[in-house]
Protein backbone atom coordinates (compact mmCIF):
# COMPACT_ATOMS: atom_id res chain seq x y z
CA MET A 1 0.00 0.00 0.00
CA ILE A 2 1.34 3.45 -0.97
CA SER A 3 1.50 5.99 1.83
CA ILE A 4 0.36 9.59 1.47
CA GLU A 5 3.94 10.78 1.91
CA GLU A 6 5.12 8.56 -0.97
CA GLU A 7 2.30 9.82 -3.18
CA LEU A 8 2.28 13.53 -2.31
CA GLY A 9 5.63 14.19 -0.65
CA LYS A 10 6.43 15.59 2.76
CA VAL A 11 3.67 17.40 4.66
CA LEU A 12 4.54 21.04 5.28
CA SER A 13 3.03 23.50 7.74
CA THR A 14 2.28 27.12 6.95
CA LYS A 15 5.42 28.17 8.79
CA GLU A 16 7.65 25.71 6.93
CA LEU A 17 6.24 26.72 3.54
CA SER A 18 6.56 30.42 4.34
CA GLU A 19 10.25 29.87 5.15
CA ILE A 20 10.81 27.90 1.93
CA LEU A 21 9.04 30.44 -0.28
CA GLY A 22 10.20 33.50 1.65
CA ALA A 23 6.64 34.75 2.09
CA ASP A 24 4.69 35.82 5.13
CA GLU A 25 2.57 33.17 6.84
CA LYS A 26 -0.56 35.30 6.32
CA THR A 27 0.08 35.29 2.58
CA ILE A 28 0.53 31.52 2.58
CA ARG A 29 -2.78 31.08 4.42
CA LYS A 30 -4.54 33.54 2.09
CA TYR A 31 -3.45 31.65 -1.03
CA TYR A 32 -3.42 28.13 0.42
CA GLN A 33 -5.71 26.76 -2.33
CA ARG A 34 -3.56 28.20 -5.12
CA LEU A 35 -0.55 26.60 -3.47
CA GLY A 36 -2.21 23.18 -3.43
CA GLY A 37 -2.86 23.23 0.30
CA ILE A 38 -5.76 22.02 2.37
CA ARG A 39 -7.41 23.50 5.43
CA ILE A 40 -8.43 21.37 8.36
CA GLY A 41 -10.18 23.57 10.90
CA ARG A 42 -7.69 26.30 11.75
CA HIS A 43 -4.74 24.35 10.39
CA TYR A 44 -3.31 24.47 6.89
CA LYS A 45 -1.33 21.60 5.39
CA PHE A 46 0.69 21.52 2.21
CA PHE A 47 2.21 18.58 0.37
CA GLU A 48 5.53 19.10 -1.39
CA LYS A 49 4.47 17.69 -4.75
CA GLU A 50 1.20 19.65 -4.78
CA VAL A 51 3.03 22.90 -4.02
CA ILE A 52 5.52 22.21 -6.81
CA ASN A 53 2.69 21.42 -9.25
CA ALA A 54 0.78 24.56 -8.26
CA ILE A 55 3.82 26.80 -8.73
CA GLN A 56 4.70 25.23 -12.08
CA THR A 57 1.12 25.59 -13.31
CA TRP A 58 1.01 29.22 -12.17
CA ASN A 59 4.29 29.96 -13.96
CA GLU A 60 3.05 28.32 -17.18
CA VAL A 61 -0.20 30.31 -17.11
CA PHE A 62 1.66 33.55 -16.38
CA ARG A 63 4.25 32.91 -19.10
CA THR A 64 1.57 32.01 -21.66
CA ASN A 65 -0.47 35.13 -20.88
CA LYS A 66 2.60 37.32 -21.12
CA GLU A 67 3.59 35.77 -24.47
CA GLU A 68 0.06 36.25 -25.84
CA GLN A 69 0.05 39.92 -24.83
CA THR A 70 3.44 40.42 -26.47
CA GLU A 71 2.19 38.79 -29.70
CA LYS A 72 -0.90 41.01 -29.78
CA ARG A 73 1.24 44.14 -29.44
CA LYS A 74 3.66 43.15 -32.20
CA GLY A 75 1.13 44.01 -34.92
CA PHE A 76 0.94 47.66 -33.90
CA SER A 77 3.61 50.24 -34.41
CA ASP A 78 3.56 53.88 -33.34
CA GLU A 79 3.42 54.94 -36.98
CA GLU A 80 0.29 52.86 -37.65
CA ARG A 81 -1.51 54.29 -34.65
CA SER A 82 -0.50 57.90 -35.28
CA SER A 83 -1.65 57.81 -38.90
CA ARG A 84 -5.19 57.15 -37.73
CA LEU A 85 -5.29 60.08 -35.33
CA GLY A 86 -7.15 63.05 -36.74
CA SER A 87 -8.35 61.09 -39.74
CA GLN A 88 -11.90 62.27 -39.22
CA ASN A 89 -13.20 64.54 -41.91
CA GLU A 90 -12.43 68.12 -40.80
CA ALA A 91 -15.68 69.54 -42.15
CA LYS A 92 -17.72 67.07 -40.11
CA ALA A 93 -15.67 67.86 -37.04
CA ARG A 94 -16.21 71.63 -37.52
CA LYS A 95 -19.97 71.15 -37.89
CA ARG A 96 -20.07 69.05 -34.74
CA VAL A 97 -18.21 71.74 -32.81
CA GLU A 98 -20.53 74.41 -34.17
CA ARG A 99 -23.58 72.43 -33.04
CA GLU A 100 -22.06 71.82 -29.61
CA ASP A 101 -20.80 75.44 -29.30
CA LYS A 102 -24.15 77.27 -29.27
CA HIS A 103 -22.69 80.35 -27.61
CA GLY A 104 -19.55 80.69 -29.74
CA LEU A 105 -17.12 80.05 -26.91
CA PHE A 106 -14.76 77.90 -28.96
CA SER A 107 -14.63 80.06 -32.11
């Protein structure tokens, strides 16, 4: 029969995990589910392998999102964006201002 420790690794307390990760114990408790932990009453327990999996998954998601954002931005250059500014027909813009400027304040 396989033991829990063989399957999931060493059991870590909040204090032990906070020392390993260099984070405050409150932060560890706040994000215990994201770190693969479980809560039993007032106590939080973490298994080594689950923590490693959670961190690796988080890093993959973060890296993928960052790469996607970079790819989306590649298609735009400053020149492309600036050429569109002010492209509205000037006559239409003047008429709109005239309608909005009933008292001639902007003339």
